[in-house]
Amino acid sequence: MTHETTSDRADLAARLAFSIGRLNRRIRPASELTPGQVSALATIVTSAPIRPGDIARLERVAAPTVTRLLADLESRGLVQRSADPGDGRSFFVSPTAEGAEAIRVARDERAHRVLEVFDELSEEQVASIAAAIGALEAAAEITSA
């Protein structure tokens, strides 16, 4: 077993960040929504009903950014607000049927594009991705305090 150095980890981190960025751009669905809007809407679909502050925390963006995103999504009929019965100053956000459908379509398109990428890889490369998927999923779920 080899001893992994800090330099090796830094190189791995840089390579992974670069690869994820390029892959994400490659599989991004063609949509009228921005990547930020798709991400926020996916969070709303997954976590509804949800407060705007919780969206900001999960999306790792500032409150004013969430305010703009919600205004855009609401104007498109993709989300709806409901009063927070425990706090008259706050509200919850939930997807509309159209919003939930938009995310389903975006996820299907992304999965299809990933399948197209798989078609360009060897079986060994796809197997390597399969072997790493659990660790990648775990890394994606890590949140900092």
N, C-alpha and C. Protein backbone atom coordinates (compact mmCIF):
# COMPACT_ATOMS: atom_id res chain seq x y z
N MET A 1 0.85 -1.18 0.00
CA MET A 1 0.00 0.00 0.00
C MET A 1 0.89 1.24 0.00
N THR A 2 0.61 2.16 -0.88
CA THR A 2 1.44 3.35 -0.99
C THR A 2 0.98 4.41 -0.01
N HIS A 3 1.93 5.25 0.38
CA HIS A 3 1.61 6.35 1.29
C HIS A 3 1.22 7.57 0.46
N GLU A 4 0.01 8.05 0.66
CA GLU A 4 -0.49 9.18 -0.10
C GLU A 4 0.01 10.47 0.51
N THR A 5 0.61 11.33 -0.29
CA THR A 5 1.13 12.59 0.22
C THR A 5 0.10 13.71 0.06
N THR A 6 0.38 14.80 0.74
CA THR A 6 -0.48 15.98 0.61
C THR A 6 -0.51 16.44 -0.84
N SER A 7 0.61 16.37 -1.51
CA SER A 7 0.70 16.76 -2.92
C SER A 7 -0.18 15.86 -3.79
N ASP A 8 -0.17 14.55 -3.51
CA ASP A 8 -1.02 13.62 -4.25
C ASP A 8 -2.49 13.96 -4.06
N ARG A 9 -2.87 14.26 -2.83
CA ARG A 9 -4.28 14.62 -2.54
C ARG A 9 -4.65 15.92 -3.23
N ALA A 10 -3.75 16.89 -3.22
CA ALA A 10 -4.01 18.17 -3.88
C ALA A 10 -4.18 17.98 -5.38
N ASP A 11 -3.32 17.14 -5.97
CA ASP A 11 -3.43 16.85 -7.40
C ASP A 11 -4.75 16.15 -7.70
N LEU A 12 -5.11 15.17 -6.88
CA LEU A 12 -6.38 14.47 -7.06
C LEU A 12 -7.55 15.45 -6.95
N ALA A 13 -7.50 16.33 -5.97
CA ALA A 13 -8.57 17.32 -5.78
C ALA A 13 -8.70 18.22 -7.00
N ALA A 14 -7.58 18.69 -7.52
CA ALA A 14 -7.61 19.56 -8.70
C ALA A 14 -8.17 18.83 -9.92
N ARG A 15 -7.72 17.60 -10.12
CA ARG A 15 -8.20 16.82 -11.26
C ARG A 15 -9.70 16.53 -11.14
N LEU A 16 -10.15 16.19 -9.94
CA LEU A 16 -11.57 15.90 -9.72
C LEU A 16 -12.42 17.16 -9.95
N ALA A 17 -11.99 18.29 -9.41
CA ALA A 17 -12.73 19.54 -9.59
C ALA A 17 -12.84 19.90 -11.07
N PHE A 18 -11.75 19.78 -11.80
CA PHE A 18 -11.75 20.07 -13.23
C PHE A 18 -12.69 19.12 -13.97
N SER A 19 -12.58 17.83 -13.68
CA SER A 19 -13.40 16.83 -14.37
C SER A 19 -14.88 17.02 -14.08
N ILE A 20 -15.21 17.27 -12.83
CA ILE A 20 -16.62 17.48 -12.47
C ILE A 20 -17.18 18.70 -13.18
N GLY A 21 -16.40 19.77 -13.20
CA GLY A 21 -16.85 20.99 -13.87
C GLY A 21 -17.12 20.77 -15.34
N ARG A 22 -16.19 20.12 -16.02
CA ARG A 22 -16.37 19.88 -17.46
C ARG A 22 -17.51 18.91 -17.72
N LEU A 23 -17.61 17.86 -16.91
CA LEU A 23 -18.68 16.89 -17.08
C LEU A 23 -20.04 17.56 -16.82
N ASN A 24 -20.11 18.37 -15.80
CA ASN A 24 -21.36 19.06 -15.49
C ASN A 24 -21.81 19.95 -16.65
N ARG A 25 -20.89 20.67 -17.25
CA ARG A 25 -21.25 21.51 -18.40
C ARG A 25 -21.68 20.65 -19.58
N ARG A 26 -21.04 19.51 -19.75
CA ARG A 26 -21.36 18.64 -20.87
C ARG A 26 -22.74 18.01 -20.76
N ILE A 27 -23.16 17.69 -19.55
CA ILE A 27 -24.45 16.99 -19.38
C ILE A 27 -25.59 17.93 -19.02
N ARG A 28 -25.30 19.21 -18.89
CA ARG A 28 -26.34 20.18 -18.53
C ARG A 28 -27.45 20.15 -19.58
N PRO A 29 -28.69 20.02 -19.13
CA PRO A 29 -29.79 19.98 -20.10
C PRO A 29 -30.01 21.34 -20.75
N ALA A 30 -30.45 21.30 -21.99
CA ALA A 30 -30.84 22.54 -22.66
C ALA A 30 -32.15 22.97 -22.02
N SER A 31 -32.15 24.15 -21.45
CA SER A 31 -33.33 24.59 -20.70
C SER A 31 -33.43 26.10 -20.75
N GLU A 32 -34.63 26.58 -20.57
CA GLU A 32 -34.83 28.02 -20.44
C GLU A 32 -34.41 28.49 -19.06
N LEU A 33 -34.22 27.56 -18.14
CA LEU A 33 -33.81 27.89 -16.79
C LEU A 33 -32.30 27.91 -16.69
N THR A 34 -31.78 28.80 -15.85
CA THR A 34 -30.34 28.83 -15.60
C THR A 34 -29.96 27.64 -14.72
N PRO A 35 -28.69 27.28 -14.69
CA PRO A 35 -28.27 26.20 -13.78
C PRO A 35 -28.64 26.50 -12.32
N GLY A 36 -28.54 27.75 -11.90
CA GLY A 36 -28.92 28.12 -10.54
C GLY A 36 -30.40 27.92 -10.28
N GLN A 37 -31.23 28.26 -11.25
CA GLN A 37 -32.67 28.06 -11.11
C GLN A 37 -33.01 26.58 -11.06
N VAL A 38 -32.36 25.78 -11.89
CA VAL A 38 -32.60 24.33 -11.88
C VAL A 38 -32.20 23.75 -10.53
N SER A 39 -31.05 24.16 -10.02
CA SER A 39 -30.57 23.65 -8.74
C SER A 39 -31.52 24.02 -7.61
N ALA A 40 -31.92 25.28 -7.56
CA ALA A 40 -32.84 25.73 -6.51
C ALA A 40 -34.18 25.01 -6.63
N LEU A 41 -34.69 24.88 -7.84
CA LEU A 41 -35.97 24.20 -8.03
C LEU A 41 -35.86 22.73 -7.62
N ALA A 42 -34.75 22.09 -7.93
CA ALA A 42 -34.56 20.69 -7.51
C ALA A 42 -34.57 20.59 -5.98
N THR A 43 -33.93 21.54 -5.31
CA THR A 43 -33.94 21.56 -3.84
C THR A 43 -35.37 21.73 -3.33
N ILE A 44 -36.13 22.59 -3.95
CA ILE A 44 -37.52 22.82 -3.54
C ILE A 44 -38.35 21.56 -3.76
N VAL A 45 -38.18 20.93 -4.91
CA VAL A 45 -38.93 19.70 -5.21
C VAL A 45 -38.60 18.63 -4.18
N THR A 46 -37.33 18.51 -3.83
CA THR A 46 -36.88 17.47 -2.90
C THR A 46 -37.27 17.75 -1.46
N SER A 47 -37.30 19.03 -1.06
CA SER A 47 -37.42 19.38 0.36
C SER A 47 -38.69 20.13 0.73
N ALA A 48 -39.60 20.32 -0.18
CA ALA A 48 -40.80 21.13 0.08
C ALA A 48 -41.69 20.52 1.14
N PRO A 49 -42.42 21.35 1.87
CA PRO A 49 -42.31 22.82 1.87
C PRO A 49 -41.03 23.25 2.58
N ILE A 50 -40.43 24.33 2.08
CA ILE A 50 -39.13 24.76 2.58
C ILE A 50 -39.10 26.28 2.66
N ARG A 51 -38.42 26.79 3.68
CA ARG A 51 -38.27 28.23 3.84
C ARG A 51 -37.14 28.73 2.93
N PRO A 52 -37.23 29.97 2.48
CA PRO A 52 -36.17 30.54 1.65
C PRO A 52 -34.79 30.47 2.31
N GLY A 53 -34.71 30.71 3.59
CA GLY A 53 -33.42 30.63 4.28
C GLY A 53 -32.81 29.25 4.22
N ASP A 54 -33.65 28.23 4.27
CA ASP A 54 -33.16 26.86 4.16
C ASP A 54 -32.68 26.56 2.74
N ILE A 55 -33.35 27.15 1.75
CA ILE A 55 -32.90 27.00 0.36
C ILE A 55 -31.51 27.63 0.23
N ALA A 56 -31.33 28.82 0.79
CA ALA A 56 -30.04 29.50 0.72
C ALA A 56 -28.95 28.66 1.35
N ARG A 57 -29.23 28.08 2.49
CA ARG A 57 -28.24 27.24 3.17
C ARG A 57 -27.90 26.01 2.34
N LEU A 58 -28.91 25.32 1.84
CA LEU A 58 -28.67 24.10 1.06
C LEU A 58 -27.98 24.39 -0.28
N GLU A 59 -28.32 25.51 -0.88
CA GLU A 59 -27.73 25.88 -2.17
C GLU A 59 -26.41 26.64 -2.00
N ARG A 60 -26.10 26.99 -0.75
CA ARG A 60 -24.86 27.73 -0.45
C ARG A 60 -24.79 29.05 -1.21
N VAL A 61 -25.88 29.79 -1.13
CA VAL A 61 -25.95 31.12 -1.74
C VAL A 61 -26.51 32.10 -0.73
N ALA A 62 -26.36 33.37 -1.01
CA ALA A 62 -26.84 34.43 -0.11
C ALA A 62 -28.36 34.59 -0.25
N ALA A 63 -28.95 35.12 0.81
CA ALA A 63 -30.41 35.33 0.84
C ALA A 63 -30.90 36.17 -0.35
N PRO A 64 -30.21 37.25 -0.73
CA PRO A 64 -30.70 38.02 -1.89
C PRO A 64 -30.71 37.19 -3.18
N THR A 65 -29.79 36.26 -3.31
CA THR A 65 -29.77 35.39 -4.49
C THR A 65 -31.00 34.51 -4.51
N VAL A 66 -31.36 33.96 -3.35
CA VAL A 66 -32.55 33.11 -3.26
C VAL A 66 -33.80 33.93 -3.55
N THR A 67 -33.84 35.15 -3.06
CA THR A 67 -34.99 36.02 -3.32
C THR A 67 -35.19 36.20 -4.82
N ARG A 68 -34.10 36.47 -5.55
CA ARG A 68 -34.19 36.63 -7.02
C ARG A 68 -34.60 35.32 -7.69
N LEU A 69 -34.00 34.21 -7.26
CA LEU A 69 -34.33 32.91 -7.84
C LEU A 69 -35.81 32.59 -7.65
N LEU A 70 -36.30 32.80 -6.43
CA LEU A 70 -37.70 32.50 -6.15
C LEU A 70 -38.63 33.39 -6.96
N ALA A 71 -38.29 34.66 -7.11
CA ALA A 71 -39.12 35.56 -7.90
C ALA A 71 -39.20 35.07 -9.35
N ASP A 72 -38.05 34.66 -9.89
CA ASP A 72 -38.03 34.14 -11.26
C ASP A 72 -38.84 32.86 -11.40
N LEU A 73 -38.63 31.93 -10.47
CA LEU A 73 -39.34 30.65 -10.52
C LEU A 73 -40.85 30.84 -10.33
N GLU A 74 -41.21 31.76 -9.44
CA GLU A 74 -42.63 32.03 -9.20
C GLU A 74 -43.27 32.68 -10.43
N SER A 75 -42.56 33.59 -11.08
CA SER A 75 -43.12 34.26 -12.27
C SER A 75 -43.32 33.28 -13.42
N ARG A 76 -42.56 32.19 -13.41
CA ARG A 76 -42.70 31.15 -14.44
C ARG A 76 -43.74 30.10 -14.06
N GLY A 77 -44.32 30.23 -12.87
CA GLY A 77 -45.33 29.28 -12.42
C GLY A 77 -44.76 27.96 -11.96
N LEU A 78 -43.47 27.95 -11.54
CA LEU A 78 -42.82 26.70 -11.15
C LEU A 78 -42.82 26.46 -9.65
N VAL A 79 -43.02 27.52 -8.87
CA VAL A 79 -43.12 27.40 -7.41
C VAL A 79 -44.27 28.26 -6.92
N GLN A 80 -44.69 27.94 -5.70
CA GLN A 80 -45.74 28.73 -5.06
C GLN A 80 -45.37 28.94 -3.60
N ARG A 81 -45.84 30.04 -3.05
CA ARG A 81 -45.59 30.37 -1.66
C ARG A 81 -46.83 30.03 -0.83
N SER A 82 -46.57 29.70 0.43
CA SER A 82 -47.66 29.53 1.39
C SER A 82 -47.21 30.13 2.71
N ALA A 83 -48.14 30.69 3.43
CA ALA A 83 -47.83 31.35 4.70
C ALA A 83 -47.29 30.34 5.71
N ASP A 84 -46.36 30.81 6.51
CA ASP A 84 -45.85 30.02 7.63
C ASP A 84 -46.78 30.28 8.81
N PRO A 85 -47.56 29.28 9.23
CA PRO A 85 -48.52 29.51 10.31
C PRO A 85 -47.84 29.88 11.63
N GLY A 86 -46.59 29.53 11.79
CA GLY A 86 -45.88 29.84 13.03
C GLY A 86 -45.17 31.17 13.03
N ASP A 87 -45.05 31.80 11.87
CA ASP A 87 -44.34 33.07 11.76
C ASP A 87 -44.93 33.85 10.59
N GLY A 88 -45.72 34.85 10.91
CA GLY A 88 -46.40 35.65 9.89
C GLY A 88 -45.47 36.39 8.96
N ARG A 89 -44.21 36.54 9.33
CA ARG A 89 -43.25 37.24 8.48
C ARG A 89 -42.59 36.32 7.48
N SER A 90 -42.76 35.02 7.65
CA SER A 90 -42.06 34.04 6.82
C SER A 90 -43.06 33.27 5.96
N PHE A 91 -42.51 32.52 5.02
CA PHE A 91 -43.36 31.70 4.16
C PHE A 91 -42.59 30.44 3.76
N PHE A 92 -43.34 29.50 3.24
CA PHE A 92 -42.79 28.27 2.71
C PHE A 92 -42.89 28.31 1.19
N VAL A 93 -42.02 27.57 0.54
CA VAL A 93 -42.03 27.46 -0.91
C VAL A 93 -42.23 25.99 -1.26
N SER A 94 -43.09 25.74 -2.24
CA SER A 94 -43.34 24.39 -2.74
C SER A 94 -43.36 24.45 -4.26
N PRO A 95 -43.07 23.33 -4.91
CA PRO A 95 -43.14 23.32 -6.38
C PRO A 95 -44.59 23.23 -6.84
N THR A 96 -44.86 23.78 -7.98
CA THR A 96 -46.14 23.53 -8.64
C THR A 96 -45.97 22.22 -9.43
N ALA A 97 -47.05 21.73 -9.99
CA ALA A 97 -46.95 20.53 -10.84
C ALA A 97 -45.99 20.78 -12.00
N GLU A 98 -46.02 21.99 -12.55
CA GLU A 98 -45.12 22.34 -13.65
C GLU A 98 -43.67 22.36 -13.19
N GLY A 99 -43.42 22.83 -11.98
CA GLY A 99 -42.06 22.85 -11.44
C GLY A 99 -41.53 21.44 -11.23
N ALA A 100 -42.36 20.57 -10.66
CA ALA A 100 -41.94 19.19 -10.45
C ALA A 100 -41.66 18.50 -11.79
N GLU A 101 -42.48 18.78 -12.78
CA GLU A 101 -42.28 18.20 -14.11
C GLU A 101 -41.00 18.73 -14.75
N ALA A 102 -40.71 20.02 -14.58
CA ALA A 102 -39.49 20.60 -15.14
C ALA A 102 -38.25 19.91 -14.57
N ILE A 103 -38.27 19.60 -13.29
CA ILE A 103 -37.13 18.91 -12.68
C ILE A 103 -37.05 17.47 -13.15
N ARG A 104 -38.18 16.80 -13.28
CA ARG A 104 -38.17 15.43 -13.80
C ARG A 104 -37.56 15.39 -15.20
N VAL A 105 -37.96 16.32 -16.04
CA VAL A 105 -37.43 16.38 -17.40
C VAL A 105 -35.93 16.69 -17.38
N ALA A 106 -35.52 17.64 -16.56
CA ALA A 106 -34.09 17.99 -16.47
C ALA A 106 -33.27 16.80 -16.01
N ARG A 107 -33.75 16.08 -15.01
CA ARG A 107 -33.02 14.89 -14.51
C ARG A 107 -32.94 13.81 -15.58
N ASP A 108 -34.05 13.59 -16.29
CA ASP A 108 -34.05 12.59 -17.37
C ASP A 108 -33.05 12.97 -18.46
N GLU A 109 -33.03 14.27 -18.83
CA GLU A 109 -32.10 14.72 -19.86
C GLU A 109 -30.66 14.54 -19.41
N ARG A 110 -30.37 14.88 -18.15
CA ARG A 110 -29.00 14.72 -17.64
C ARG A 110 -28.61 13.24 -17.63
N ALA A 111 -29.50 12.38 -17.18
CA ALA A 111 -29.19 10.95 -17.15
C ALA A 111 -28.93 10.43 -18.57
N HIS A 112 -29.72 10.89 -19.52
CA HIS A 112 -29.52 10.48 -20.92
C HIS A 112 -28.16 10.94 -21.42
N ARG A 113 -27.77 12.16 -21.06
CA ARG A 113 -26.46 12.67 -21.49
C ARG A 113 -25.32 11.91 -20.83
N VAL A 114 -25.51 11.48 -19.58
CA VAL A 114 -24.48 10.67 -18.92
C VAL A 114 -24.37 9.32 -19.64
N LEU A 115 -25.50 8.74 -20.02
CA LEU A 115 -25.45 7.49 -20.78
C LEU A 115 -24.67 7.66 -22.08
N GLU A 116 -24.84 8.80 -22.74
CA GLU A 116 -24.08 9.08 -23.96
C GLU A 116 -22.58 9.15 -23.66
N VAL A 117 -22.22 9.73 -22.52
CA VAL A 117 -20.81 9.76 -22.11
C VAL A 117 -20.32 8.34 -21.88
N PHE A 118 -21.11 7.53 -21.19
CA PHE A 118 -20.73 6.14 -20.93
C PHE A 118 -20.46 5.40 -22.24
N ASP A 119 -21.24 5.70 -23.28
CA ASP A 119 -21.05 5.04 -24.57
C ASP A 119 -19.67 5.32 -25.16
N GLU A 120 -19.05 6.41 -24.75
CA GLU A 120 -17.72 6.79 -25.25
C GLU A 120 -16.59 6.21 -24.40
N LEU A 121 -16.93 5.58 -23.29
CA LEU A 121 -15.93 5.03 -22.38
C LEU A 121 -15.84 3.52 -22.52
N SER A 122 -14.72 2.98 -22.07
CA SER A 122 -14.57 1.53 -22.05
C SER A 122 -15.39 0.95 -20.89
N GLU A 123 -15.64 -0.34 -20.96
CA GLU A 123 -16.35 -1.02 -19.87
C GLU A 123 -15.58 -0.88 -18.56
N GLU A 124 -14.25 -0.91 -18.62
CA GLU A 124 -13.43 -0.77 -17.42
C GLU A 124 -13.59 0.63 -16.81
N GLN A 125 -13.66 1.65 -17.67
CA GLN A 125 -13.84 3.01 -17.17
C GLN A 125 -15.22 3.18 -16.51
N VAL A 126 -16.24 2.61 -17.12
CA VAL A 126 -17.58 2.67 -16.52
C VAL A 126 -17.59 1.91 -15.20
N ALA A 127 -16.91 0.78 -15.14
CA ALA A 127 -16.83 0.02 -13.89
C ALA A 127 -16.10 0.82 -12.81
N SER A 128 -15.09 1.57 -13.18
CA SER A 128 -14.38 2.42 -12.22
C SER A 128 -15.30 3.50 -11.67
N ILE A 129 -16.11 4.06 -12.53
CA ILE A 129 -17.08 5.07 -12.08
C ILE A 129 -18.08 4.42 -11.13
N ALA A 130 -18.55 3.24 -11.49
CA ALA A 130 -19.50 2.53 -10.63
C ALA A 130 -18.90 2.25 -9.27
N ALA A 131 -17.62 1.90 -9.24
CA ALA A 131 -16.95 1.60 -7.97
C ALA A 131 -16.79 2.85 -7.11
N ALA A 132 -16.70 4.01 -7.75
CA ALA A 132 -16.50 5.27 -7.01
C ALA A 132 -17.80 5.99 -6.66
N ILE A 133 -18.93 5.53 -7.19
CA ILE A 133 -20.17 6.30 -7.05
C ILE A 133 -20.58 6.48 -5.59
N GLY A 134 -20.39 5.49 -4.75
CA GLY A 134 -20.76 5.62 -3.34
C GLY A 134 -19.97 6.73 -2.66
N ALA A 135 -18.68 6.79 -2.92
CA ALA A 135 -17.85 7.85 -2.33
C ALA A 135 -18.24 9.22 -2.88
N LEU A 136 -18.54 9.29 -4.17
CA LEU A 136 -18.95 10.57 -4.77
C LEU A 136 -20.29 11.03 -4.19
N GLU A 137 -21.22 10.10 -4.02
CA GLU A 137 -22.50 10.46 -3.41
C GLU A 137 -22.31 10.95 -1.98
N ALA A 138 -21.44 10.30 -1.22
CA ALA A 138 -21.16 10.73 0.15
C ALA A 138 -20.55 12.12 0.15
N ALA A 139 -19.60 12.36 -0.75
CA ALA A 139 -18.96 13.68 -0.82
C ALA A 139 -19.97 14.76 -1.19
N ALA A 140 -20.93 14.42 -2.04
CA ALA A 140 -21.93 15.40 -2.46
C ALA A 140 -22.87 15.78 -1.32
N GLU A 141 -23.02 14.91 -0.34
CA GLU A 141 -23.94 15.16 0.77
C GLU A 141 -23.28 15.85 1.96
N ILE A 142 -21.97 16.00 1.95
CA ILE A 142 -21.27 16.64 3.07
C ILE A 142 -21.60 18.12 3.08
N THR A 143 -22.00 18.62 4.23
CA THR A 143 -22.26 20.04 4.37
C THR A 143 -21.35 20.59 5.45
N SER A 144 -20.90 21.81 5.24
CA SER A 144 -20.06 22.45 6.26
C SER A 144 -20.95 23.32 7.14
N ALA A 145 -20.56 23.45 8.38
CA ALA A 145 -21.36 24.20 9.34
C ALA A 145 -21.25 25.68 9.14
